[in-house]
Amino acid sequence: MLVGDLFINKELSEKYRSEGYVTLQFLDGVQISDLYKLYDASASQAGVNKQFFTSIWSDNIEYRRLTDTKIKELLAPAALNYIRDIKPVFANFMVKNTGEGTSLMPHQDWSFVEEPEHDSATIWCPLVDVDSINGTLQVIPRSHRISNYTRARFLDRPFDGIDSHEMEAMMIDIPLRAGEAIILNSRLIHASPCNYSDKQRVAASLVIAPEAAPLFHWIYNPKDDMEIKKLAVTPDFFWQYSCYEYPDSVTAIESCHHDFKDLSLETFREIIGYERSLITKKNAFCLGRTYCPKACKYFFASSLPGLTFRAAFSSMAALSLFFILWYILARLIYG
């Protein structure tokens, strides 16, 4: 059973299946206040000294259990207003402090069910208004089409070889008001930029799966660069072990070998149906930031030594003009 088939609203179902995510109004003011009270009351127990962190990064098992239980109590009933026949898997606070070091790199979430027979999703709901300034969620639409159905703890991402600026250029921001939510497929690539506001950004999230789907967890074995262990788990597993722990005490029901090949940029674009002609303002600057330094490096390394002063000056002027025209064009087209 797929989450996309369980939406009550047909339009939401169609967009989720097509793009890999939907946004909607999720919580009211009272529910947001209740979540903030929970966060304020429990934050001192987290014990995580990072600019960005989530609840399951904490070493405090009681804190993980408390936040998981209480967030589920608030978010799961709200989810049932939009999606039927689902069960909560685990819940988190996701906290960005202010300044540098608060970004989250592009990634996919773990596999929680046997894919592609089933799939899972994350509901991400900010407790404050979010945009590109304070670290809203960013996604690559349609990236849930990637068929890496086994996404294991400690396993590298299949798009790590793609230039980071190219990945950033394909990202779109998802600005949300407090209480709105994005529901995204667990395979959808997502990230978030730094929080450059003067206030902490707090969001609550809930992983959901079809009620009929058994839960599993896959773990990459660092002692064998190809082996992945499969565990049969219950929702409690995800607060019993922190994100960084290797759960040796849980017996694997089977093992498999990792054989998903890393993706090239061309293959990745083909899978997600990305069209360069649909470039956005952010894409223009990301791509310029990628290729302009390369052009400069090539020019200085190979061209300049063999040029006369006059020819070098002319070439530098032409190169500078190119950068200026690129900037002006981007500003005129995209504002």
C-alpha atoms as a PDB file:
ATOM      1  CA  MET A   1       0.000   0.000   0.000  1.00  0.00           C
ATOM      2  CA  LEU A   2       1.286   3.458  -0.941  1.00  0.00           C
ATOM      3  CA  VAL A   3       0.717   6.631   1.080  1.00  0.00           C
ATOM      4  CA  GLY A   4      -0.308   8.438  -2.095  1.00  0.00           C
ATOM      5  CA  ASP A   5      -3.309   6.129  -2.407  1.00  0.00           C
ATOM      6  CA  LEU A   6      -4.507   6.930   1.118  1.00  0.00           C
ATOM      7  CA  PHE A   7      -5.151  10.672   0.800  1.00  0.00           C
ATOM      8  CA  ILE A   8      -8.811  11.518   1.293  1.00  0.00           C
ATOM      9  CA  ASN A   9      -8.616  14.426  -1.162  1.00  0.00           C
ATOM     10  CA  LYS A  10      -8.079  13.317  -4.785  1.00  0.00           C
ATOM     11  CA  GLU A  11      -6.140  16.450  -5.806  1.00  0.00           C
ATOM     12  CA  LEU A  12      -3.711  16.035  -2.913  1.00  0.00           C
ATOM     13  CA  SER A  13      -3.270  12.378  -3.841  1.00  0.00           C
ATOM     14  CA  GLU A  14      -2.488  13.193  -7.464  1.00  0.00           C
ATOM     15  CA  LYS A  15       0.033  15.919  -6.621  1.00  0.00           C
ATOM     16  CA  TYR A  16       1.740  13.761  -3.983  1.00  0.00           C
ATOM     17  CA  ARG A  17       2.160  10.886  -6.415  1.00  0.00           C
ATOM     18  CA  SER A  18       3.400  13.196  -9.167  1.00  0.00           C
ATOM     19  CA  GLU A  19       5.706  15.591  -7.287  1.00  0.00           C
ATOM     20  CA  GLY A  20       6.510  13.580  -4.155  1.00  0.00           C
ATOM     21  CA  TYR A  21       5.055  16.126  -1.731  1.00  0.00           C
ATOM     22  CA  VAL A  22       2.035  18.308  -0.889  1.00  0.00           C
ATOM     23  CA  THR A  23       1.511  21.294   1.421  1.00  0.00           C
ATOM     24  CA  LEU A  24      -1.605  21.970   3.470  1.00  0.00           C
ATOM     25  CA  GLN A  25      -2.999  23.661   6.558  1.00  0.00           C
ATOM     26  CA  PHE A  26      -2.327  21.196   9.359  1.00  0.00           C
ATOM     27  CA  LEU A  27      -2.502  22.611  12.908  1.00  0.00           C
ATOM     28  CA  ASP A  28      -4.492  25.376  14.584  1.00  0.00           C
ATOM     29  CA  GLY A  29      -3.173  27.959  17.035  1.00  0.00           C
ATOM     30  CA  VAL A  30      -3.954  25.872  20.124  1.00  0.00           C
ATOM     31  CA  GLN A  31      -2.100  22.837  18.746  1.00  0.00           C
ATOM     32  CA  ILE A  32       0.913  24.970  17.826  1.00  0.00           C
ATOM     33  CA  SER A  33       0.938  26.414  21.338  1.00  0.00           C
ATOM     34  CA  ASP A  34       0.771  22.916  22.863  1.00  0.00           C
ATOM     35  CA  LEU A  35       3.769  21.789  20.785  1.00  0.00           C
ATOM     36  CA  TYR A  36       5.757  24.867  21.757  1.00  0.00           C
ATOM     37  CA  LYS A  37       5.010  24.243  25.428  1.00  0.00           C
ATOM     38  CA  LEU A  38       6.253  20.674  25.012  1.00  0.00           C
ATOM     39  CA  TYR A  39       9.414  21.901  23.305  1.00  0.00           C
ATOM     40  CA  ASP A  40      10.113  24.551  25.962  1.00  0.00           C
ATOM     41  CA  ALA A  41       9.508  22.089  28.792  1.00  0.00           C
ATOM     42  CA  SER A  42      11.771  19.373  27.363  1.00  0.00           C
ATOM     43  CA  ALA A  43      14.534  21.264  25.500  1.00  0.00           C
ATOM     44  CA  SER A  44      16.910  21.297  28.465  1.00  0.00           C
ATOM     45  CA  GLN A  45      16.874  17.461  28.479  1.00  0.00           C
ATOM     46  CA  ALA A  46      18.073  17.116  24.870  1.00  0.00           C
ATOM     47  CA  GLY A  47      21.772  17.512  25.713  1.00  0.00           C
ATOM     48  CA  VAL A  48      22.700  18.145  22.078  1.00  0.00           C
ATOM     49  CA  ASN A  49      25.300  20.866  21.575  1.00  0.00           C
ATOM     50  CA  LYS A  50      24.787  21.510  17.864  1.00  0.00           C
ATOM     51  CA  GLN A  51      23.602  24.459  15.815  1.00  0.00           C
ATOM     52  CA  PHE A  52      21.062  22.146  14.150  1.00  0.00           C
ATOM     53  CA  PHE A  53      19.672  19.028  15.792  1.00  0.00           C
ATOM     54  CA  THR A  54      16.706  16.687  15.965  1.00  0.00           C
ATOM     55  CA  SER A  55      15.289  14.826  18.941  1.00  0.00           C
ATOM     56  CA  ILE A  56      16.639  11.436  17.881  1.00  0.00           C
ATOM     57  CA  TRP A  57      20.195  12.765  17.922  1.00  0.00           C
ATOM     58  CA  SER A  58      19.983  13.029  21.697  1.00  0.00           C
ATOM     59  CA  ASP A  59      21.763  10.496  23.927  1.00  0.00           C
ATOM     60  CA  ASN A  60      18.994  10.906  26.517  1.00  0.00           C
ATOM     61  CA  ILE A  61      16.629   7.975  25.940  1.00  0.00           C
ATOM     62  CA  GLU A  62      13.933   9.435  28.209  1.00  0.00           C
ATOM     63  CA  TYR A  63      13.974  12.676  26.217  1.00  0.00           C
ATOM     64  CA  ARG A  64      13.631  10.705  22.961  1.00  0.00           C
ATOM     65  CA  ARG A  65      10.749   8.679  24.387  1.00  0.00           C
ATOM     66  CA  LEU A  66       8.960  11.749  25.760  1.00  0.00           C
ATOM     67  CA  THR A  67       9.175  13.815  22.575  1.00  0.00           C
ATOM     68  CA  ASP A  68       8.242  10.859  20.369  1.00  0.00           C
ATOM     69  CA  THR A  69       5.181  10.022  22.460  1.00  0.00           C
ATOM     70  CA  LYS A  70       3.883  13.559  22.957  1.00  0.00           C
ATOM     71  CA  ILE A  71       4.443  14.763  19.377  1.00  0.00           C
ATOM     72  CA  LYS A  72       2.635  11.678  18.084  1.00  0.00           C
ATOM     73  CA  GLU A  73      -0.321  12.479  20.351  1.00  0.00           C
ATOM     74  CA  LEU A  74      -0.602  15.916  18.746  1.00  0.00           C
ATOM     75  CA  LEU A  75       0.286  15.234  15.101  1.00  0.00           C
ATOM     76  CA  ALA A  76      -1.219  11.788  14.428  1.00  0.00           C
ATOM     77  CA  PRO A  77      -4.890  12.863  14.907  1.00  0.00           C
ATOM     78  CA  ALA A  78      -4.306  15.856  12.626  1.00  0.00           C
ATOM     79  CA  ALA A  79      -2.849  13.564   9.949  1.00  0.00           C
ATOM     80  CA  LEU A  80      -6.012  11.468   9.935  1.00  0.00           C
ATOM     81  CA  ASN A  81      -7.949  14.499   8.706  1.00  0.00           C
ATOM     82  CA  TYR A  82      -6.131  14.097   5.379  1.00  0.00           C
ATOM     83  CA  ILE A  83      -4.858  10.517   5.135  1.00  0.00           C
ATOM     84  CA  ARG A  84      -6.685   7.329   6.142  1.00  0.00           C
ATOM     85  CA  ASP A  85      -5.370   3.944   7.273  1.00  0.00           C
ATOM     86  CA  ILE A  86      -1.957   5.138   8.430  1.00  0.00           C
ATOM     87  CA  LYS A  87       0.097   4.580  11.561  1.00  0.00           C
ATOM     88  CA  PRO A  88       2.673   6.841  13.244  1.00  0.00           C
ATOM     89  CA  VAL A  89       6.250   5.541  13.126  1.00  0.00           C
ATOM     90  CA  PHE A  90       8.321   8.094  15.026  1.00  0.00           C
ATOM     91  CA  ALA A  91       8.249  11.815  15.828  1.00  0.00           C
ATOM     92  CA  ASN A  92      10.841  14.551  16.282  1.00  0.00           C
ATOM     93  CA  PHE A  93      11.532  18.141  17.032  1.00  0.00           C
ATOM     94  CA  MET A  94      13.864  19.670  14.434  1.00  0.00           C
ATOM     95  CA  VAL A  95      15.656  22.724  15.779  1.00  0.00           C
ATOM     96  CA  LYS A  96      17.789  25.322  13.992  1.00  0.00           C
ATOM     97  CA  ASN A  97      19.643  27.834  16.074  1.00  0.00           C
ATOM     98  CA  THR A  98      20.842  30.999  14.329  1.00  0.00           C
ATOM     99  CA  GLY A  99      23.862  31.632  12.139  1.00  0.00           C
ATOM    100  CA  GLU A 100      26.343  29.548  10.195  1.00  0.00           C
ATOM    101  CA  GLY A 101      26.487  25.796  10.613  1.00  0.00           C
ATOM    102  CA  THR A 102      22.691  25.378  10.717  1.00  0.00           C
ATOM    103  CA  SER A 103      22.121  24.055   7.198  1.00  0.00           C
ATOM    104  CA  LEU A 104      21.078  20.464   6.515  1.00  0.00           C
ATOM    105  CA  MET A 105      22.581  18.785   3.449  1.00  0.00           C
ATOM    106  CA  PRO A 106      20.411  17.187   0.741  1.00  0.00           C
ATOM    107  CA  HIS A 107      19.333  13.704   1.771  1.00  0.00           C
ATOM    108  CA  GLN A 108      16.571  11.134   1.675  1.00  0.00           C
ATOM    109  CA  ASP A 109      14.985   9.601   4.752  1.00  0.00           C
ATOM    110  CA  TRP A 110      15.498   5.997   5.808  1.00  0.00           C
ATOM    111  CA  SER A 111      13.350   3.195   4.441  1.00  0.00           C
ATOM    112  CA  PHE A 112      10.713   2.234   7.021  1.00  0.00           C
ATOM    113  CA  VAL A 113       8.725  -0.332   5.017  1.00  0.00           C
ATOM    114  CA  GLU A 114       9.363  -2.756   2.188  1.00  0.00           C
ATOM    115  CA  GLU A 115       9.509  -0.639  -0.958  1.00  0.00           C
ATOM    116  CA  PRO A 116       8.163  -0.364  -3.620  1.00  0.00           C
ATOM    117  CA  GLU A 117       5.259  -2.537  -2.436  1.00  0.00           C
ATOM    118  CA  HIS A 118       4.710   0.018   0.341  1.00  0.00           C
ATOM    119  CA  ASP A 119       6.155   3.427   1.088  1.00  0.00           C
ATOM    120  CA  SER A 120       6.295   5.965   3.895  1.00  0.00           C
ATOM    121  CA  ALA A 121       6.185   9.726   4.345  1.00  0.00           C
ATOM    122  CA  THR A 122       7.213  12.517   6.705  1.00  0.00           C
ATOM    123  CA  ILE A 123       4.918  15.286   7.901  1.00  0.00           C
ATOM    124  CA  TRP A 124       7.044  18.383   8.615  1.00  0.00           C
ATOM    125  CA  CYS A 125       5.259  21.218  10.419  1.00  0.00           C
ATOM    126  CA  PRO A 126       7.011  24.430  11.510  1.00  0.00           C
ATOM    127  CA  LEU A 127       5.930  26.128  14.737  1.00  0.00           C
ATOM    128  CA  VAL A 128       6.967  29.520  13.292  1.00  0.00           C
ATOM    129  CA  ASP A 129       6.628  31.044   9.830  1.00  0.00           C
ATOM    130  CA  VAL A 130       9.499  29.758   7.675  1.00  0.00           C
ATOM    131  CA  ASP A 131      11.153  30.976   4.489  1.00  0.00           C
ATOM    132  CA  SER A 132      14.593  30.978   2.858  1.00  0.00           C
ATOM    133  CA  ILE A 133      15.927  33.337   5.539  1.00  0.00           C
ATOM    134  CA  ASN A 134      15.278  31.206   8.621  1.00  0.00           C
ATOM    135  CA  GLY A 135      15.735  27.722   7.190  1.00  0.00           C
ATOM    136  CA  THR A 136      12.578  26.439   5.553  1.00  0.00           C
ATOM    137  CA  LEU A 137      12.513  23.001   3.961  1.00  0.00           C
ATOM    138  CA  GLN A 138      13.773  22.681   0.393  1.00  0.00           C
ATOM    139  CA  VAL A 139      12.936  19.789  -1.942  1.00  0.00           C
ATOM    140  CA  ILE A 140      13.829  18.491  -5.385  1.00  0.00           C
ATOM    141  CA  PRO A 141      10.439  17.788  -6.969  1.00  0.00           C
ATOM    142  CA  ARG A 142       9.949  14.293  -8.371  1.00  0.00           C
ATOM    143  CA  SER A 143      13.187  12.981  -6.838  1.00  0.00           C
ATOM    144  CA  HIS A 144      11.063  10.290  -5.142  1.00  0.00           C
ATOM    145  CA  ARG A 145      11.252   8.543  -8.513  1.00  0.00           C
ATOM    146  CA  ILE A 146      14.763   7.359  -7.652  1.00  0.00           C
ATOM    147  CA  SER A 147      14.495   3.617  -7.133  1.00  0.00           C
ATOM    148  CA  ASN A 148      16.919   3.192  -4.208  1.00  0.00           C
ATOM    149  CA  TYR A 149      14.318   1.356  -2.177  1.00  0.00           C
ATOM    150  CA  THR A 150      16.734   0.317   0.580  1.00  0.00           C
ATOM    151  CA  ARG A 151      17.998   3.438   2.377  1.00  0.00           C
ATOM    152  CA  ALA A 152      19.936   2.190   5.364  1.00  0.00           C
ATOM    153  CA  ARG A 153      21.376   3.767   8.483  1.00  0.00           C
ATOM    154  CA  PHE A 154      25.023   4.787   7.831  1.00  0.00           C
ATOM    155  CA  LEU A 155      24.707   4.234   4.053  1.00  0.00           C
ATOM    156  CA  ASP A 156      25.954   6.952   1.703  1.00  0.00           C
ATOM    157  CA  ARG A 157      23.576   8.673  -0.683  1.00  0.00           C
ATOM    158  CA  PRO A 158      23.511   7.629  -4.382  1.00  0.00           C
ATOM    159  CA  PHE A 159      23.771  11.271  -5.513  1.00  0.00           C
ATOM    160  CA  ASP A 160      26.883  12.172  -3.499  1.00  0.00           C
ATOM    161  CA  GLY A 161      28.938  12.345  -6.683  1.00  0.00           C
ATOM    162  CA  ILE A 162      26.818  15.142  -8.166  1.00  0.00           C
ATOM    163  CA  ASP A 163      28.202  18.670  -7.750  1.00  0.00           C
ATOM    164  CA  SER A 164      26.635  20.301  -4.686  1.00  0.00           C
ATOM    165  CA  HIS A 165      25.850  23.510  -6.588  1.00  0.00           C
ATOM    166  CA  GLU A 166      24.011  21.489  -9.248  1.00  0.00           C
ATOM    167  CA  MET A 167      21.938  19.864  -6.492  1.00  0.00           C
ATOM    168  CA  GLU A 168      21.245  23.242  -4.931  1.00  0.00           C
ATOM    169  CA  ALA A 169      20.126  24.607  -8.303  1.00  0.00           C
ATOM    170  CA  MET A 170      17.422  21.922  -8.524  1.00  0.00           C
ATOM    171  CA  MET A 171      16.086  22.635  -5.025  1.00  0.00           C
ATOM    172  CA  ILE A 172      12.977  24.747  -4.482  1.00  0.00           C
ATOM    173  CA  ASP A 173      12.043  26.491  -1.228  1.00  0.00           C
ATOM    174  CA  ILE A 174       8.807  25.528   0.528  1.00  0.00           C
ATOM    175  CA  PRO A 175       7.778  28.615   2.534  1.00  0.00           C
ATOM    176  CA  LEU A 176       5.159  27.813   5.159  1.00  0.00           C
ATOM    177  CA  ARG A 177       3.166  29.617   7.804  1.00  0.00           C
ATOM    178  CA  ALA A 178       3.212  28.294  11.356  1.00  0.00           C
ATOM    179  CA  GLY A 179       0.831  25.336  11.476  1.00  0.00           C
ATOM    180  CA  GLU A 180       1.028  24.571   7.766  1.00  0.00           C
ATOM    181  CA  ALA A 181       2.811  21.358   6.807  1.00  0.00           C
ATOM    182  CA  ILE A 182       4.562  19.614   3.973  1.00  0.00           C
ATOM    183  CA  ILE A 183       3.970  15.883   3.577  1.00  0.00           C
ATOM    184  CA  LEU A 184       6.851  14.352   1.619  1.00  0.00           C
ATOM    185  CA  ASN A 185       7.674  10.889   0.392  1.00  0.00           C
ATOM    186  CA  SER A 186      10.588   9.323   2.285  1.00  0.00           C
ATOM    187  CA  ARG A 187      12.514   9.030  -1.003  1.00  0.00           C
ATOM    188  CA  LEU A 188      12.135  12.731  -1.854  1.00  0.00           C
ATOM    189  CA  ILE A 189      15.456  14.582  -1.609  1.00  0.00           C
ATOM    190  CA  HIS A 190      15.199  17.487   0.802  1.00  0.00           C
ATOM    191  CA  ALA A 191      17.441  19.905   2.668  1.00  0.00           C
ATOM    192  CA  SER A 192      17.295  23.219   4.510  1.00  0.00           C
ATOM    193  CA  PRO A 193      19.493  26.342   4.438  1.00  0.00           C
ATOM    194  CA  CYS A 194      21.025  28.161   7.384  1.00  0.00           C
ATOM    195  CA  ASN A 195      18.871  30.148   9.765  1.00  0.00           C
ATOM    196  CA  TYR A 196      19.983  33.754   9.280  1.00  0.00           C
ATOM    197  CA  SER A 197      17.165  35.241  11.325  1.00  0.00           C
ATOM    198  CA  ASP A 198      17.618  36.303  14.942  1.00  0.00           C
ATOM    199  CA  LYS A 199      15.255  33.629  16.317  1.00  0.00           C
ATOM    200  CA  GLN A 200      15.422  29.866  16.736  1.00  0.00           C
ATOM    201  CA  ARG A 201      13.464  27.855  14.169  1.00  0.00           C
ATOM    202  CA  VAL A 202      11.538  24.915  15.604  1.00  0.00           C
ATOM    203  CA  ALA A 203       9.564  22.355  13.596  1.00  0.00           C
ATOM    204  CA  ALA A 204       7.818  19.131  14.552  1.00  0.00           C
ATOM    205  CA  SER A 205       7.787  16.081  12.305  1.00  0.00           C
ATOM    206  CA  LEU A 206       6.060  12.726  12.160  1.00  0.00           C
ATOM    207  CA  VAL A 207       6.934   9.727   9.993  1.00  0.00           C
ATOM    208  CA  ILE A 208       3.871   7.791   8.850  1.00  0.00           C
ATOM    209  CA  ALA A 209       3.347   4.486   7.036  1.00  0.00           C
ATOM    210  CA  PRO A 210       0.327   2.530   5.787  1.00  0.00           C
ATOM    211  CA  GLU A 211      -1.390   0.681   8.622  1.00  0.00           C
ATOM    212  CA  ALA A 212      -1.032  -2.649   6.828  1.00  0.00           C
ATOM    213  CA  ALA A 213       2.704  -2.279   6.126  1.00  0.00           C
ATOM    214  CA  PRO A 214       5.136  -4.082   8.485  1.00  0.00           C
ATOM    215  CA  LEU A 215       7.952  -1.856   9.770  1.00  0.00           C
ATOM    216  CA  PHE A 216      11.599  -2.616   9.053  1.00  0.00           C
ATOM    217  CA  HIS A 217      14.933  -0.887   9.531  1.00  0.00           C
ATOM    218  CA  TRP A 218      18.006  -1.424   7.380  1.00  0.00           C
ATOM    219  CA  ILE A 219      21.539  -0.930   8.700  1.00  0.00           C
ATOM    220  CA  TYR A 220      24.695  -0.712   6.647  1.00  0.00           C
ATOM    221  CA  ASN A 221      27.403  -2.879   8.204  1.00  0.00           C
ATOM    222  CA  PRO A 222      30.616  -0.800   8.440  1.00  0.00           C
ATOM    223  CA  LYS A 223      32.638  -4.037   8.753  1.00  0.00           C
ATOM    224  CA  ASP A 224      31.479  -5.170   5.315  1.00  0.00           C
ATOM    225  CA  ASP A 225      31.229  -2.487   2.645  1.00  0.00           C
ATOM    226  CA  MET A 226      28.458  -4.331   0.811  1.00  0.00           C
ATOM    227  CA  GLU A 227      26.313  -5.895   3.566  1.00  0.00           C
ATOM    228  CA  ILE A 228      23.023  -4.391   4.748  1.00  0.00           C
ATOM    229  CA  LYS A 229      21.154  -5.961   7.659  1.00  0.00           C
ATOM    230  CA  LYS A 230      17.355  -5.929   7.756  1.00  0.00           C
ATOM    231  CA  LEU A 231      15.602  -5.665  11.137  1.00  0.00           C
ATOM    232  CA  ALA A 232      11.926  -6.217  11.922  1.00  0.00           C
ATOM    233  CA  VAL A 233      11.012  -3.389  14.302  1.00  0.00           C
ATOM    234  CA  THR A 234       8.185  -1.649  16.117  1.00  0.00           C
ATOM    235  CA  PRO A 235       7.749   2.143  16.391  1.00  0.00           C
ATOM    236  CA  ASP A 236       9.466   2.078  19.804  1.00  0.00           C
ATOM    237  CA  PHE A 237      12.718   1.074  18.102  1.00  0.00           C
ATOM    238  CA  PHE A 238      13.226   4.596  16.794  1.00  0.00           C
ATOM    239  CA  TRP A 239      13.342   6.228  20.220  1.00  0.00           C
ATOM    240  CA  GLN A 240      15.107   3.323  21.904  1.00  0.00           C
ATOM    241  CA  TYR A 241      18.177   3.873  19.696  1.00  0.00           C
ATOM    242  CA  SER A 242      19.568   7.288  18.809  1.00  0.00           C
ATOM    243  CA  CYS A 243      20.303   8.212  15.211  1.00  0.00           C
ATOM    244  CA  TYR A 244      24.018   7.458  15.651  1.00  0.00           C
ATOM    245  CA  GLU A 245      23.813   4.139  17.507  1.00  0.00           C
ATOM    246  CA  TYR A 246      24.468   0.741  15.958  1.00  0.00           C
ATOM    247  CA  PRO A 247      21.730  -1.482  17.488  1.00  0.00           C
ATOM    248  CA  ASP A 248      23.749  -4.657  18.044  1.00  0.00           C
ATOM    249  CA  SER A 249      21.157  -6.069  20.415  1.00  0.00           C
ATOM    250  CA  VAL A 250      18.516  -6.377  17.673  1.00  0.00           C
ATOM    251  CA  THR A 251      18.814  -9.566  15.627  1.00  0.00           C
ATOM    252  CA  ALA A 252      18.692  -9.174  11.862  1.00  0.00           C
ATOM    253  CA  ILE A 253      16.077 -11.247  10.060  1.00  0.00           C
ATOM    254  CA  GLU A 254      18.132 -11.270   6.856  1.00  0.00           C
ATOM    255  CA  SER A 255      21.050  -9.622   5.101  1.00  0.00           C
ATOM    256  CA  CYS A 256      21.414  -8.312   1.595  1.00  0.00           C
ATOM    257  CA  HIS A 257      24.109  -6.627  -0.460  1.00  0.00           C
ATOM    258  CA  HIS A 258      24.095  -2.999  -1.499  1.00  0.00           C
ATOM    259  CA  ASP A 259      24.104  -2.855  -5.287  1.00  0.00           C
ATOM    260  CA  PHE A 260      22.476   0.491  -6.140  1.00  0.00           C
ATOM    261  CA  LYS A 261      24.831   2.422  -8.401  1.00  0.00           C
ATOM    262  CA  ASP A 262      25.709   6.075  -7.845  1.00  0.00           C
ATOM    263  CA  LEU A 263      23.828   8.427 -10.133  1.00  0.00           C
ATOM    264  CA  SER A 264      25.391  10.746 -12.691  1.00  0.00           C
ATOM    265  CA  LEU A 265      23.983  14.250 -13.101  1.00  0.00           C
ATOM    266  CA  GLU A 266      22.535  13.369 -16.503  1.00  0.00           C
ATOM    267  CA  THR A 267      20.817  10.215 -15.212  1.00  0.00           C
ATOM    268  CA  PHE A 268      19.505  12.060 -12.168  1.00  0.00           C
ATOM    269  CA  ARG A 269      17.983  14.837 -14.303  1.00  0.00           C
ATOM    270  CA  GLU A 270      16.385  12.278 -16.594  1.00  0.00           C
ATOM    271  CA  ILE A 271      14.796  10.412 -13.674  1.00  0.00           C
ATOM    272  CA  ILE A 272      13.232  13.511 -12.128  1.00  0.00           C
ATOM    273  CA  GLY A 273      12.270  15.155 -15.426  1.00  0.00           C
ATOM    274  CA  TYR A 274      14.353  18.241 -14.716  1.00  0.00           C
ATOM    275  CA  GLU A 275      14.429  20.784 -17.535  1.00  0.00           C
ATOM    276  CA  ARG A 276      17.214  23.348 -17.528  1.00  0.00           C
ATOM    277  CA  SER A 277      14.952  25.750 -19.466  1.00  0.00           C
ATOM    278  CA  LEU A 278      12.819  26.065 -16.355  1.00  0.00           C
ATOM    279  CA  ILE A 279      15.706  27.711 -14.526  1.00  0.00           C
ATOM    280  CA  THR A 280      14.775  29.927 -11.614  1.00  0.00           C
ATOM    281  CA  LYS A 281      16.487  32.997 -10.186  1.00  0.00           C
ATOM    282  CA  LYS A 282      18.191  30.861  -7.537  1.00  0.00           C
ATOM    283  CA  ASN A 283      19.249  28.318 -10.159  1.00  0.00           C
ATOM    284  CA  ALA A 284      20.868  31.031 -12.266  1.00  0.00           C
ATOM    285  CA  PHE A 285      23.021  32.222  -9.392  1.00  0.00           C
ATOM    286  CA  CYS A 286      23.846  28.689  -8.196  1.00  0.00           C
ATOM    287  CA  LEU A 287      25.006  27.647 -11.645  1.00  0.00           C
ATOM    288  CA  GLY A 288      26.924  30.866 -12.126  1.00  0.00           C
ATOM    289  CA  ARG A 289      28.626  30.300  -8.798  1.00  0.00           C
ATOM    290  CA  THR A 290      29.617  26.837 -10.031  1.00  0.00           C
ATOM    291  CA  TYR A 291      30.925  27.614 -13.480  1.00  0.00           C
ATOM    292  CA  CYS A 292      32.270  31.180 -13.272  1.00  0.00           C
ATOM    293  CA  PRO A 293      35.130  30.185 -10.923  1.00  0.00           C
ATOM    294  CA  LYS A 294      35.939  27.286 -13.247  1.00  0.00           C
ATOM    295  CA  ALA A 295      36.116  29.690 -16.192  1.00  0.00           C
ATOM    296  CA  CYS A 296      38.454  31.969 -14.216  1.00  0.00           C
ATOM    297  CA  LYS A 297      40.661  29.059 -13.181  1.00  0.00           C
ATOM    298  CA  TYR A 298      40.958  27.833 -16.752  1.00  0.00           C
ATOM    299  CA  PHE A 299      41.738  31.327 -18.019  1.00  0.00           C
ATOM    300  CA  PHE A 300      44.500  32.019 -15.521  1.00  0.00           C
ATOM    301  CA  ALA A 301      46.004  28.537 -15.742  1.00  0.00           C
ATOM    302  CA  SER A 302      46.158  28.164 -19.513  1.00  0.00           C
ATOM    303  CA  SER A 303      45.658  31.449 -21.278  1.00  0.00           C
ATOM    304  CA  LEU A 304      47.279  34.260 -19.338  1.00  0.00           C
ATOM    305  CA  PRO A 305      50.938  33.093 -19.346  1.00  0.00           C
ATOM    306  CA  GLY A 306      51.165  33.153 -23.125  1.00  0.00           C
ATOM    307  CA  LEU A 307      49.489  36.521 -23.667  1.00  0.00           C
ATOM    308  CA  THR A 308      50.985  39.954 -24.152  1.00  0.00           C
ATOM    309  CA  PHE A 309      49.904  42.606 -21.712  1.00  0.00           C
ATOM    310  CA  ARG A 310      47.510  44.135 -24.227  1.00  0.00           C
ATOM    311  CA  ALA A 311      45.958  40.777 -25.165  1.00  0.00           C
ATOM    312  CA  ALA A 312      45.698  39.777 -21.510  1.00  0.00           C
ATOM    313  CA  PHE A 313      43.962  43.049 -20.681  1.00  0.00           C
ATOM    314  CA  SER A 314      41.483  42.549 -23.551  1.00  0.00           C
ATOM    315  CA  SER A 315      40.771  38.977 -22.491  1.00  0.00           C
ATOM    316  CA  MET A 316      40.239  39.981 -18.878  1.00  0.00           C
ATOM    317  CA  ALA A 317      37.883  42.740 -20.007  1.00  0.00           C
ATOM    318  CA  ALA A 318      35.908  40.252 -22.099  1.00  0.00           C
ATOM    319  CA  LEU A 319      35.729  37.790 -19.215  1.00  0.00           C
ATOM    320  CA  SER A 320      34.582  40.526 -16.832  1.00  0.00           C
ATOM    321  CA  LEU A 321      31.954  41.647 -19.335  1.00  0.00           C
ATOM    322  CA  PHE A 322      30.672  38.080 -19.529  1.00  0.00           C
ATOM    323  CA  PHE A 323      30.187  37.933 -15.754  1.00  0.00           C
ATOM    324  CA  ILE A 324      28.495  41.363 -15.712  1.00  0.00           C
ATOM    325  CA  LEU A 325      26.106  40.396 -18.508  1.00  0.00           C
ATOM    326  CA  TRP A 326      25.300  37.113 -16.792  1.00  0.00           C
ATOM    327  CA  TYR A 327      24.437  38.971 -13.585  1.00  0.00           C
ATOM    328  CA  ILE A 328      22.341  41.636 -15.351  1.00  0.00           C
ATOM    329  CA  LEU A 329      20.444  39.039 -17.368  1.00  0.00           C
ATOM    330  CA  ALA A 330      19.616  37.038 -14.248  1.00  0.00           C
ATOM    331  CA  ARG A 331      18.392  40.168 -12.468  1.00  0.00           C
ATOM    332  CA  LEU A 332      16.265  41.318 -15.418  1.00  0.00           C
ATOM    333  CA  ILE A 333      14.610  37.957 -15.951  1.00  0.00           C
ATOM    334  CA  TYR A 334      14.152  36.825 -12.354  1.00  0.00           C
ATOM    335  CA  GLY A 335      13.895  40.121 -10.479  1.00  0.00           C
END
